[in-house]
Amino acid sequence: MQQGGPQGFADARTEYRGPDTATQLSGLPDGGYVYRVRVVEPAPSPWSEPVTVEVRHHPLSRALGFFAVGLIVFLATVILIMRGARAD
């Protein structure tokens, strides 16, 4: 699997090589990315049609809001478990 740049695949990087039929990439900054794949064994096949992926992250304020809601739910769950344990 190759990742191309804004100008196509002239400066492409190989992001994955192996037998898996699925892979995951993480840590990409916001922006557009273009990918293509091909079979290399037993003989190289032609490259697939390019697929464009747009990466857009949540703003930090929203991410912190999700974290705060998760923390509240976690603490409420712990409190309910502890109260239930005392009642027994």
C-alpha atoms as a PDB file:
ATOM      1  CA  MET A   1       0.000   0.000   0.000  1.00  0.00           C
ATOM      2  CA  GLN A   2       1.417   3.346  -0.983  1.00  0.00           C
ATOM      3  CA  GLN A   3       0.538   6.827   0.225  1.00  0.00           C
ATOM      4  CA  GLY A   4       0.888   9.553  -2.364  1.00  0.00           C
ATOM      5  CA  GLY A   5       1.444  13.256  -1.901  1.00  0.00           C
ATOM      6  CA  PRO A   6      -0.395  16.308  -3.192  1.00  0.00           C
ATOM      7  CA  GLN A   7       1.255  15.859  -6.595  1.00  0.00           C
ATOM      8  CA  GLY A   8       0.238  12.199  -6.932  1.00  0.00           C
ATOM      9  CA  PHE A   9       2.495   9.201  -6.519  1.00  0.00           C
ATOM     10  CA  ALA A  10       5.789  10.679  -7.753  1.00  0.00           C
ATOM     11  CA  ASP A  11       6.926  10.967  -4.115  1.00  0.00           C
ATOM     12  CA  ALA A  12       4.947   7.939  -2.830  1.00  0.00           C
ATOM     13  CA  ARG A  13       5.889   6.100   0.365  1.00  0.00           C
ATOM     14  CA  THR A  14       5.159   2.456   1.055  1.00  0.00           C
ATOM     15  CA  GLU A  15       2.988   2.457   4.191  1.00  0.00           C
ATOM     16  CA  TYR A  16       2.339  -1.264   4.420  1.00  0.00           C
ATOM     17  CA  ARG A  17       3.670  -4.470   2.920  1.00  0.00           C
ATOM     18  CA  GLY A  18       2.466  -7.880   4.069  1.00  0.00           C
ATOM     19  CA  PRO A  19      -0.249 -10.527   4.034  1.00  0.00           C
ATOM     20  CA  ASP A  20      -2.979  -8.719   6.018  1.00  0.00           C
ATOM     21  CA  THR A  21      -6.144  -7.786   4.145  1.00  0.00           C
ATOM     22  CA  ALA A  22      -6.705  -4.754   6.385  1.00  0.00           C
ATOM     23  CA  THR A  23      -4.434  -2.271   8.108  1.00  0.00           C
ATOM     24  CA  GLN A  24      -4.811   0.844  10.222  1.00  0.00           C
ATOM     25  CA  LEU A  25      -2.815   4.051  10.106  1.00  0.00           C
ATOM     26  CA  SER A  26      -2.847   6.557  12.939  1.00  0.00           C
ATOM     27  CA  GLY A  27      -1.193   9.810  13.888  1.00  0.00           C
ATOM     28  CA  LEU A  28      -1.877  11.564  10.594  1.00  0.00           C
ATOM     29  CA  PRO A  29      -2.333  15.334  10.712  1.00  0.00           C
ATOM     30  CA  ASP A  30      -5.391  16.952   9.150  1.00  0.00           C
ATOM     31  CA  GLY A  31      -5.370  16.925   5.373  1.00  0.00           C
ATOM     32  CA  GLY A  32      -6.003  14.860   2.275  1.00  0.00           C
ATOM     33  CA  TYR A  33      -4.199  11.590   1.561  1.00  0.00           C
ATOM     34  CA  VAL A  34      -4.188   9.395  -1.525  1.00  0.00           C
ATOM     35  CA  TYR A  35      -3.614   5.619  -1.375  1.00  0.00           C
ATOM     36  CA  ARG A  36      -3.213   2.758  -3.830  1.00  0.00           C
ATOM     37  CA  VAL A  37      -2.542  -0.966  -3.466  1.00  0.00           C
ATOM     38  CA  ARG A  38      -1.331  -3.887  -5.532  1.00  0.00           C
ATOM     39  CA  VAL A  39      -0.538  -7.570  -5.233  1.00  0.00           C
ATOM     40  CA  VAL A  40       3.203  -8.276  -5.421  1.00  0.00           C
ATOM     41  CA  GLU A  41       3.326 -12.075  -5.192  1.00  0.00           C
ATOM     42  CA  PRO A  42       3.472 -14.286  -7.205  1.00  0.00           C
ATOM     43  CA  ALA A  43       3.907 -11.432  -9.711  1.00  0.00           C
ATOM     44  CA  PRO A  44       3.284  -7.676  -9.335  1.00  0.00           C
ATOM     45  CA  SER A  45      -0.169  -6.579 -10.462  1.00  0.00           C
ATOM     46  CA  PRO A  46      -1.091  -3.124 -11.769  1.00  0.00           C
ATOM     47  CA  TRP A  47      -1.783  -0.484  -9.113  1.00  0.00           C
ATOM     48  CA  SER A  48      -5.385  -0.044  -7.982  1.00  0.00           C
ATOM     49  CA  GLU A  49      -7.374   3.100  -8.646  1.00  0.00           C
ATOM     50  CA  PRO A  50      -6.319   5.765  -6.118  1.00  0.00           C
ATOM     51  CA  VAL A  51      -8.518   6.308  -3.058  1.00  0.00           C
ATOM     52  CA  THR A  52      -8.592   9.738  -1.408  1.00  0.00           C
ATOM     53  CA  VAL A  53      -9.020   9.998   2.365  1.00  0.00           C
ATOM     54  CA  GLU A  54      -9.709  13.249   4.218  1.00  0.00           C
ATOM     55  CA  VAL A  55      -8.491  13.416   7.848  1.00  0.00           C
ATOM     56  CA  ARG A  56     -10.210  15.952  10.115  1.00  0.00           C
ATOM     57  CA  HIS A  57      -9.742  15.871  13.874  1.00  0.00           C
ATOM     58  CA  HIS A  58     -12.101  17.218  16.513  1.00  0.00           C
ATOM     59  CA  PRO A  59     -10.972  20.519  18.016  1.00  0.00           C
ATOM     60  CA  LEU A  60      -9.226  20.181  21.396  1.00  0.00           C
ATOM     61  CA  SER A  61     -12.170  21.780  23.232  1.00  0.00           C
ATOM     62  CA  ARG A  62     -14.531  19.091  21.948  1.00  0.00           C
ATOM     63  CA  ALA A  63     -12.066  16.296  22.774  1.00  0.00           C
ATOM     64  CA  LEU A  64     -11.734  17.622  26.343  1.00  0.00           C
ATOM     65  CA  GLY A  65     -15.537  17.789  26.573  1.00  0.00           C
ATOM     66  CA  PHE A  66     -15.772  14.099  25.555  1.00  0.00           C
ATOM     67  CA  PHE A  67     -13.138  13.274  28.173  1.00  0.00           C
ATOM     68  CA  ALA A  68     -15.058  15.170  30.882  1.00  0.00           C
ATOM     69  CA  VAL A  69     -18.333  13.381  30.071  1.00  0.00           C
ATOM     70  CA  GLY A  70     -16.530  10.015  30.121  1.00  0.00           C
ATOM     71  CA  LEU A  71     -14.966  10.859  33.483  1.00  0.00           C
ATOM     72  CA  ILE A  72     -18.356  11.758  34.954  1.00  0.00           C
ATOM     73  CA  VAL A  73     -19.892   8.495  33.724  1.00  0.00           C
ATOM     74  CA  PHE A  74     -16.925   6.516  35.086  1.00  0.00           C
ATOM     75  CA  LEU A  75     -17.120   8.167  38.519  1.00  0.00           C
ATOM     76  CA  ALA A  76     -20.897   7.690  38.688  1.00  0.00           C
ATOM     77  CA  THR A  77     -20.450   3.989  37.880  1.00  0.00           C
ATOM     78  CA  VAL A  78     -17.801   3.563  40.594  1.00  0.00           C
ATOM     79  CA  ILE A  79     -20.038   5.300  43.153  1.00  0.00           C
ATOM     80  CA  LEU A  80     -23.026   3.100  42.250  1.00  0.00           C
ATOM     81  CA  ILE A  81     -20.916  -0.059  42.547  1.00  0.00           C
ATOM     82  CA  MET A  82     -19.545   1.004  45.941  1.00  0.00           C
ATOM     83  CA  ARG A  83     -23.010   1.863  47.280  1.00  0.00           C
ATOM     84  CA  GLY A  84     -24.342  -1.485  46.071  1.00  0.00           C
ATOM     85  CA  ALA A  85     -21.464  -3.323  47.774  1.00  0.00           C
ATOM     86  CA  ARG A  86     -22.210  -1.584  51.103  1.00  0.00           C
ATOM     87  CA  ALA A  87     -25.905  -2.446  50.892  1.00  0.00           C
ATOM     88  CA  ASP A  88     -25.097  -6.175  50.769  1.00  0.00           C
END
